[in-house]
């Protein structure tokens, strides 16, 4: 809901990733899925979110946000 965060930025993706993890830990699957949807789109289209190779690799290496984990949430 922070209006100053650019929704097309790596920072926004990072915030959504964190929200997804928190929502998933609380059992709020619908909210987690909505947040992870942004993450998944950014992983598929990294240039659209300004994700450099290092940031994308870090997101993919995170055990909380593997494709398997995202799939379980969806």
PDB file of N, CA and C in Angstrom:
ATOM      1  N   UNK A   1       0.816  -1.198   0.000  1.00  0.00           N
ATOM      2  CA  UNK A   1       0.000   0.000   0.000  1.00  0.00           C
ATOM      3  C   UNK A   1       0.864   1.268   0.000  1.00  0.00           C
ATOM      4  N   UNK A   2       2.180   1.110   0.137  1.00  0.00           N
ATOM      5  CA  UNK A   2       3.069   2.278   0.139  1.00  0.00           C
ATOM      6  C   UNK A   2       3.079   2.890  -1.252  1.00  0.00           C
ATOM      7  N   UNK A   3       2.613   4.103  -1.334  1.00  0.00           N
ATOM      8  CA  UNK A   3       2.476   4.764  -2.632  1.00  0.00           C
ATOM      9  C   UNK A   3       3.809   5.177  -3.237  1.00  0.00           C
ATOM     10  N   UNK A   4       4.846   5.319  -2.432  1.00  0.00           N
ATOM     11  CA  UNK A   4       6.127   5.800  -2.933  1.00  0.00           C
ATOM     12  C   UNK A   4       6.999   4.685  -3.512  1.00  0.00           C
ATOM     13  N   UNK A   5       6.587   3.443  -3.350  1.00  0.00           N
ATOM     14  CA  UNK A   5       7.365   2.335  -3.888  1.00  0.00           C
ATOM     15  C   UNK A   5       6.924   2.097  -5.330  1.00  0.00           C
ATOM     16  N   UNK A   6       7.865   2.164  -6.245  1.00  0.00           N
ATOM     17  CA  UNK A   6       7.592   1.945  -7.663  1.00  0.00           C
ATOM     18  C   UNK A   6       7.202   0.482  -7.875  1.00  0.00           C
ATOM     19  N   UNK A   7       6.018   0.249  -8.382  1.00  0.00           N
ATOM     20  CA  UNK A   7       5.505  -1.118  -8.573  1.00  0.00           C
ATOM     21  C   UNK A   7       6.229  -1.877  -9.680  1.00  0.00           C
ATOM     22  N   UNK A   8       7.130  -1.220 -10.356  1.00  0.00           N
ATOM     23  CA  UNK A   8       7.930  -1.867 -11.386  1.00  0.00           C
ATOM     24  C   UNK A   8       9.387  -1.965 -10.982  1.00  0.00           C
ATOM     25  N   UNK A   9       9.632  -2.007  -9.674  1.00  0.00           N
ATOM     26  CA  UNK A   9      11.015  -2.005  -9.192  1.00  0.00           C
ATOM     27  C   UNK A   9      11.371  -3.300  -8.463  1.00  0.00           C
ATOM     28  N   UNK A  10      12.665  -3.524  -8.351  1.00  0.00           N
ATOM     29  CA  UNK A  10      13.152  -4.683  -7.598  1.00  0.00           C
ATOM     30  C   UNK A  10      12.753  -4.570  -6.131  1.00  0.00           C
ATOM     31  N   UNK A  11      12.686  -3.362  -5.608  1.00  0.00           N
ATOM     32  CA  UNK A  11      12.273  -3.157  -4.218  1.00  0.00           C
ATOM     33  C   UNK A  11      10.837  -3.638  -4.010  1.00  0.00           C
ATOM     34  N   UNK A  12       9.960  -3.343  -4.942  1.00  0.00           N
ATOM     35  CA  UNK A  12       8.572  -3.790  -4.849  1.00  0.00           C
ATOM     36  C   UNK A  12       8.504  -5.315  -4.861  1.00  0.00           C
ATOM     37  N   UNK A  13       9.276  -5.937  -5.725  1.00  0.00           N
ATOM     38  CA  UNK A  13       9.315  -7.404  -5.796  1.00  0.00           C
ATOM     39  C   UNK A  13       9.782  -7.979  -4.466  1.00  0.00           C
ATOM     40  N   UNK A  14      10.798  -7.383  -3.899  1.00  0.00           N
ATOM     41  CA  UNK A  14      11.326  -7.845  -2.616  1.00  0.00           C
ATOM     42  C   UNK A  14      10.285  -7.730  -1.503  1.00  0.00           C
ATOM     43  N   UNK A  15       9.568  -6.627  -1.490  1.00  0.00           N
ATOM     44  CA  UNK A  15       8.515  -6.443  -0.487  1.00  0.00           C
ATOM     45  C   UNK A  15       7.421  -7.481  -0.670  1.00  0.00           C
ATOM     46  N   UNK A  16       7.029  -7.724  -1.907  1.00  0.00           N
ATOM     47  CA  UNK A  16       5.992  -8.718  -2.175  1.00  0.00           C
ATOM     48  C   UNK A  16       6.454 -10.126  -1.777  1.00  0.00           C
ATOM     49  N   UNK A  17       7.719 -10.422  -2.010  1.00  0.00           N
ATOM     50  CA  UNK A  17       8.279 -11.704  -1.602  1.00  0.00           C
ATOM     51  C   UNK A  17       8.172 -11.867  -0.094  1.00  0.00           C
ATOM     52  N   UNK A  18       8.575 -10.822   0.637  1.00  0.00           N
ATOM     53  CA  UNK A  18       8.510 -10.865   2.100  1.00  0.00           C
ATOM     54  C   UNK A  18       7.070 -11.009   2.594  1.00  0.00           C
ATOM     55  N   UNK A  19       6.156 -10.264   1.980  1.00  0.00           N
ATOM     56  CA  UNK A  19       4.747 -10.380   2.352  1.00  0.00           C
ATOM     57  C   UNK A  19       4.228 -11.787   2.083  1.00  0.00           C
ATOM     58  N   UNK A  20       4.596 -12.348   0.950  1.00  0.00           N
ATOM     59  CA  UNK A  20       4.168 -13.706   0.627  1.00  0.00           C
ATOM     60  C   UNK A  20       4.638 -14.714   1.652  1.00  0.00           C
ATOM     61  N   UNK A  21       5.874 -14.606   2.070  1.00  0.00           N
ATOM     62  CA  UNK A  21       6.421 -15.512   3.080  1.00  0.00           C
ATOM     63  C   UNK A  21       5.669 -15.352   4.406  1.00  0.00           C
ATOM     64  N   UNK A  22       5.433 -14.102   4.794  1.00  0.00           N
ATOM     65  CA  UNK A  22       4.711 -13.846   6.050  1.00  0.00           C
ATOM     66  C   UNK A  22       3.273 -14.361   6.000  1.00  0.00           C
ATOM     67  N   UNK A  23       2.591 -14.077   4.915  1.00  0.00           N
ATOM     68  CA  UNK A  23       1.217 -14.564   4.770  1.00  0.00           C
ATOM     69  C   UNK A  23       1.167 -16.092   4.767  1.00  0.00           C
ATOM     70  N   UNK A  24       2.099 -16.724   4.075  1.00  0.00           N
ATOM     71  CA  UNK A  24       2.131 -18.185   4.028  1.00  0.00           C
ATOM     72  C   UNK A  24       2.364 -18.771   5.426  1.00  0.00           C
ATOM     73  N   UNK A  25       3.228 -18.150   6.200  1.00  0.00           N
ATOM     74  CA  UNK A  25       3.508 -18.619   7.557  1.00  0.00           C
ATOM     75  C   UNK A  25       2.286 -18.489   8.457  1.00  0.00           C
ATOM     76  N   UNK A  26       1.412 -17.537   8.149  1.00  0.00           N
ATOM     77  CA  UNK A  26       0.200 -17.330   8.929  1.00  0.00           C
ATOM     78  C   UNK A  26      -0.978 -18.139   8.399  1.00  0.00           C
ATOM     79  N   UNK A  27      -0.758 -18.892   7.329  1.00  0.00           N
ATOM     80  CA  UNK A  27      -1.825 -19.694   6.752  1.00  0.00           C
ATOM     81  C   UNK A  27      -2.799 -18.899   5.900  1.00  0.00           C
ATOM     82  N   UNK A  28      -2.422 -17.700   5.494  1.00  0.00           N
ATOM     83  CA  UNK A  28      -3.274 -16.864   4.652  1.00  0.00           C
ATOM     84  C   UNK A  28      -2.887 -17.079   3.189  1.00  0.00           C
ATOM     85  N   UNK A  29      -3.303 -18.215   2.668  1.00  0.00           N
ATOM     86  CA  UNK A  29      -2.868 -18.650   1.342  1.00  0.00           C
ATOM     87  C   UNK A  29      -3.265 -17.703   0.215  1.00  0.00           C
ATOM     88  N   UNK A  30      -4.456 -17.134   0.277  1.00  0.00           N
ATOM     89  CA  UNK A  30      -4.895 -16.245  -0.805  1.00  0.00           C
ATOM     90  C   UNK A  30      -4.032 -14.990  -0.871  1.00  0.00           C
ATOM     91  N   UNK A  31      -3.735 -14.409   0.275  1.00  0.00           N
ATOM     92  CA  UNK A  31      -2.888 -13.217   0.305  1.00  0.00           C
ATOM     93  C   UNK A  31      -1.461 -13.562  -0.101  1.00  0.00           C
ATOM     94  N   UNK A  32      -0.982 -14.727   0.340  1.00  0.00           N
ATOM     95  CA  UNK A  32       0.367 -15.172  -0.035  1.00  0.00           C
ATOM     96  C   UNK A  32       0.445 -15.368  -1.541  1.00  0.00           C
ATOM     97  N   UNK A  33      -0.560 -15.988  -2.117  1.00  0.00           N
ATOM     98  CA  UNK A  33      -0.573 -16.240  -3.555  1.00  0.00           C
ATOM     99  C   UNK A  33      -0.564 -14.926  -4.343  1.00  0.00           C
ATOM    100  N   UNK A  34      -1.308 -13.932  -3.871  1.00  0.00           N
ATOM    101  CA  UNK A  34      -1.340 -12.638  -4.557  1.00  0.00           C
ATOM    102  C   UNK A  34       0.042 -11.979  -4.536  1.00  0.00           C
ATOM    103  N   UNK A  35       0.712 -12.056  -3.403  1.00  0.00           N
ATOM    104  CA  UNK A  35       2.055 -11.481  -3.298  1.00  0.00           C
ATOM    105  C   UNK A  35       3.048 -12.271  -4.146  1.00  0.00           C
ATOM    106  N   UNK A  36       2.954 -13.587  -4.097  1.00  0.00           N
ATOM    107  CA  UNK A  36       3.868 -14.429  -4.862  1.00  0.00           C
ATOM    108  C   UNK A  36       3.631 -14.321  -6.362  1.00  0.00           C
ATOM    109  N   UNK A  37       2.437 -13.928  -6.755  1.00  0.00           N
ATOM    110  CA  UNK A  37       2.151 -13.742  -8.177  1.00  0.00           C
ATOM    111  C   UNK A  37       3.054 -12.648  -8.760  1.00  0.00           C
ATOM    112  N   UNK A  38       3.276 -11.586  -7.993  1.00  0.00           N
ATOM    113  CA  UNK A  38       4.176 -10.515  -8.418  1.00  0.00           C
ATOM    114  C   UNK A  38       5.592 -11.068  -8.546  1.00  0.00           C
ATOM    115  N   UNK A  39       6.009 -11.840  -7.558  1.00  0.00           N
ATOM    116  CA  UNK A  39       7.342 -12.436  -7.584  1.00  0.00           C
ATOM    117  C   UNK A  39       7.515 -13.341  -8.804  1.00  0.00           C
ATOM    118  N   UNK A  40       6.549 -14.182  -9.058  1.00  0.00           N
ATOM    119  CA  UNK A  40       6.627 -15.098 -10.192  1.00  0.00           C
ATOM    120  C   UNK A  40       6.705 -14.339 -11.509  1.00  0.00           C
ATOM    121  N   UNK A  41       5.905 -13.297 -11.644  1.00  0.00           N
ATOM    122  CA  UNK A  41       5.937 -12.489 -12.871  1.00  0.00           C
ATOM    123  C   UNK A  41       7.303 -11.831 -13.035  1.00  0.00           C
ATOM    124  N   UNK A  42       7.863 -11.343 -11.930  1.00  0.00           N
ATOM    125  CA  UNK A  42       9.181 -10.693 -11.987  1.00  0.00           C
ATOM    126  C   UNK A  42      10.278 -11.693 -12.352  1.00  0.00           C
ATOM    127  N   UNK A  43      10.163 -12.921 -11.882  1.00  0.00           N
ATOM    128  CA  UNK A  43      11.157 -13.940 -12.226  1.00  0.00           C
ATOM    129  C   UNK A  43      11.076 -14.307 -13.704  1.00  0.00           C
ATOM    130  N   UNK A  44       9.867 -14.269 -14.259  1.00  0.00           N
ATOM    131  CA  UNK A  44       9.686 -14.571 -15.678  1.00  0.00           C
ATOM    132  C   UNK A  44      10.090 -13.403 -16.570  1.00  0.00           C
ATOM    133  N   UNK A  45       9.872 -12.177 -16.078  1.00  0.00           N
ATOM    134  CA  UNK A  45      10.159 -10.961 -16.841  1.00  0.00           C
ATOM    135  C   UNK A  45      11.050 -10.028 -16.016  1.00  0.00           C
ATOM    136  N   UNK A  46      12.288 -10.427 -15.746  1.00  0.00           N
ATOM    137  CA  UNK A  46      13.148  -9.646 -14.850  1.00  0.00           C
ATOM    138  C   UNK A  46      13.413  -8.212 -15.318  1.00  0.00           C
ATOM    139  N   UNK A  47      13.475  -7.991 -16.608  1.00  0.00           N
ATOM    140  CA  UNK A  47      13.733  -6.638 -17.113  1.00  0.00           C
ATOM    141  C   UNK A  47      12.594  -5.674 -16.793  1.00  0.00           C
ATOM    142  N   UNK A  48      11.380  -6.181 -16.736  1.00  0.00           N
ATOM    143  CA  UNK A  48      10.226  -5.337 -16.443  1.00  0.00           C
ATOM    144  C   UNK A  48      10.262  -4.785 -15.022  1.00  0.00           C
ATOM    145  N   UNK A  49      11.014  -5.452 -14.148  1.00  0.00           N
ATOM    146  CA  UNK A  49      11.105  -5.038 -12.747  1.00  0.00           C
ATOM    147  C   UNK A  49      12.511  -4.585 -12.368  1.00  0.00           C
ATOM    148  N   UNK A  50      13.362  -4.463 -13.334  1.00  0.00           N
ATOM    149  CA  UNK A  50      14.718  -4.006 -13.064  1.00  0.00           C
ATOM    150  C   UNK A  50      15.545  -4.987 -12.245  1.00  0.00           C
ATOM    151  N   UNK A  51      15.224  -6.274 -12.366  1.00  0.00           N
ATOM    152  CA  UNK A  51      15.986  -7.286 -11.625  1.00  0.00           C
ATOM    153  C   UNK A  51      17.269  -7.602 -12.375  1.00  0.00           C
ATOM    154  N   UNK A  52      18.382  -7.397 -11.725  1.00  0.00           N
ATOM    155  CA  UNK A  52      19.637  -7.792 -12.342  1.00  0.00           C
ATOM    156  C   UNK A  52      19.863  -9.287 -12.091  1.00  0.00           C
ATOM    157  N   UNK A  53      20.875  -9.822 -12.697  1.00  0.00           N
ATOM    158  CA  UNK A  53      21.154 -11.263 -12.595  1.00  0.00           C
ATOM    159  C   UNK A  53      21.372 -11.689 -11.154  1.00  0.00           C
ATOM    160  N   UNK A  54      22.085 -10.875 -10.406  1.00  0.00           N
ATOM    161  CA  UNK A  54      22.385 -11.207  -9.007  1.00  0.00           C
ATOM    162  C   UNK A  54      21.114 -11.271  -8.153  1.00  0.00           C
ATOM    163  N   UNK A  55      20.244 -10.292  -8.300  1.00  0.00           N
ATOM    164  CA  UNK A  55      19.003 -10.249  -7.521  1.00  0.00           C
ATOM    165  C   UNK A  55      18.091 -11.404  -7.896  1.00  0.00           C
ATOM    166  N   UNK A  56      17.979 -11.671  -9.174  1.00  0.00           N
ATOM    167  CA  UNK A  56      17.142 -12.788  -9.633  1.00  0.00           C
ATOM    168  C   UNK A  56      17.674 -14.104  -9.096  1.00  0.00           C
ATOM    169  N   UNK A  57      18.986 -14.300  -9.132  1.00  0.00           N
ATOM    170  CA  UNK A  57      19.592 -15.525  -8.615  1.00  0.00           C
ATOM    171  C   UNK A  57      19.352 -15.670  -7.115  1.00  0.00           C
ATOM    172  N   UNK A  58      19.424 -14.557  -6.388  1.00  0.00           N
ATOM    173  CA  UNK A  58      19.187 -14.595  -4.941  1.00  0.00           C
ATOM    174  C   UNK A  58      17.741 -14.985  -4.640  1.00  0.00           C
ATOM    175  N   UNK A  59      16.806 -14.463  -5.409  1.00  0.00           N
ATOM    176  CA  UNK A  59      15.406 -14.822  -5.213  1.00  0.00           C
ATOM    177  C   UNK A  59      15.169 -16.304  -5.502  1.00  0.00           C
ATOM    178  N   UNK A  60      15.797 -16.801  -6.550  1.00  0.00           N
ATOM    179  CA  UNK A  60      15.636 -18.209  -6.908  1.00  0.00           C
ATOM    180  C   UNK A  60      16.319 -19.143  -5.914  1.00  0.00           C
ATOM    181  N   UNK A  61      17.384 -18.678  -5.284  1.00  0.00           N
ATOM    182  CA  UNK A  61      18.121 -19.515  -4.332  1.00  0.00           C
ATOM    183  C   UNK A  61      17.466 -19.552  -2.954  1.00  0.00           C
ATOM    184  N   UNK A  62      16.553 -18.632  -2.696  1.00  0.00           N
ATOM    185  CA  UNK A  62      15.903 -18.555  -1.387  1.00  0.00           C
ATOM    186  C   UNK A  62      14.972 -19.753  -1.198  1.00  0.00           C
ATOM    187  N   UNK A  63      15.167 -20.544  -0.153  1.00  0.00           N
ATOM    188  CA  UNK A  63      14.325 -21.730   0.059  1.00  0.00           C
ATOM    189  C   UNK A  63      12.851 -21.396   0.312  1.00  0.00           C
ATOM    190  N   UNK A  64      12.567 -20.182   0.712  1.00  0.00           N
ATOM    191  CA  UNK A  64      11.181 -19.778   0.962  1.00  0.00           C
ATOM    192  C   UNK A  64      10.429 -19.446  -0.317  1.00  0.00           C
ATOM    193  N   UNK A  65      11.170 -19.239  -1.415  1.00  0.00           N
ATOM    194  CA  UNK A  65      10.512 -18.822  -2.648  1.00  0.00           C
ATOM    195  C   UNK A  65      10.946 -19.651  -3.856  1.00  0.00           C
ATOM    196  N   UNK A  66      11.179 -20.918  -3.659  1.00  0.00           N
ATOM    197  CA  UNK A  66      11.479 -21.788  -4.792  1.00  0.00           C
ATOM    198  C   UNK A  66      10.200 -21.966  -5.615  1.00  0.00           C
ATOM    199  N   UNK A  67      10.360 -22.407  -6.840  1.00  0.00           N
ATOM    200  CA  UNK A  67       9.187 -22.652  -7.680  1.00  0.00           C
ATOM    201  C   UNK A  67       8.266 -23.687  -7.044  1.00  0.00           C
ATOM    202  N   UNK A  68       8.846 -24.676  -6.382  1.00  0.00           N
ATOM    203  CA  UNK A  68       8.048 -25.704  -5.714  1.00  0.00           C
ATOM    204  C   UNK A  68       7.204 -25.078  -4.606  1.00  0.00           C
ATOM    205  N   UNK A  69       7.825 -24.229  -3.826  1.00  0.00           N
ATOM    206  CA  UNK A  69       7.132 -23.560  -2.712  1.00  0.00           C
ATOM    207  C   UNK A  69       6.029 -22.641  -3.239  1.00  0.00           C
ATOM    208  N   UNK A  70       6.317 -21.914  -4.315  1.00  0.00           N
ATOM    209  CA  UNK A  70       5.302 -21.055  -4.914  1.00  0.00           C
ATOM    210  C   UNK A  70       4.136 -21.896  -5.417  1.00  0.00           C
ATOM    211  N   UNK A  71       4.437 -23.014  -6.061  1.00  0.00           N
ATOM    212  CA  UNK A  71       3.406 -23.912  -6.548  1.00  0.00           C
ATOM    213  C   UNK A  71       2.516 -24.441  -5.437  1.00  0.00           C
ATOM    214  N   UNK A  72       3.112 -24.765  -4.307  1.00  0.00           N
ATOM    215  CA  UNK A  72       2.320 -25.240  -3.166  1.00  0.00           C
ATOM    216  C   UNK A  72       1.374 -24.159  -2.672  1.00  0.00           C
ATOM    217  N   UNK A  73       1.827 -22.935  -2.700  1.00  0.00           N
ATOM    218  CA  UNK A  73       0.977 -21.821  -2.248  1.00  0.00           C
ATOM    219  C   UNK A  73      -0.175 -21.585  -3.205  1.00  0.00           C
ATOM    220  N   UNK A  74       0.114 -21.665  -4.527  1.00  0.00           N
ATOM    221  CA  UNK A  74      -0.957 -21.462  -5.504  1.00  0.00           C
ATOM    222  C   UNK A  74      -1.926 -22.613  -5.467  1.00  0.00           C
TER     223      UNK A  74
END
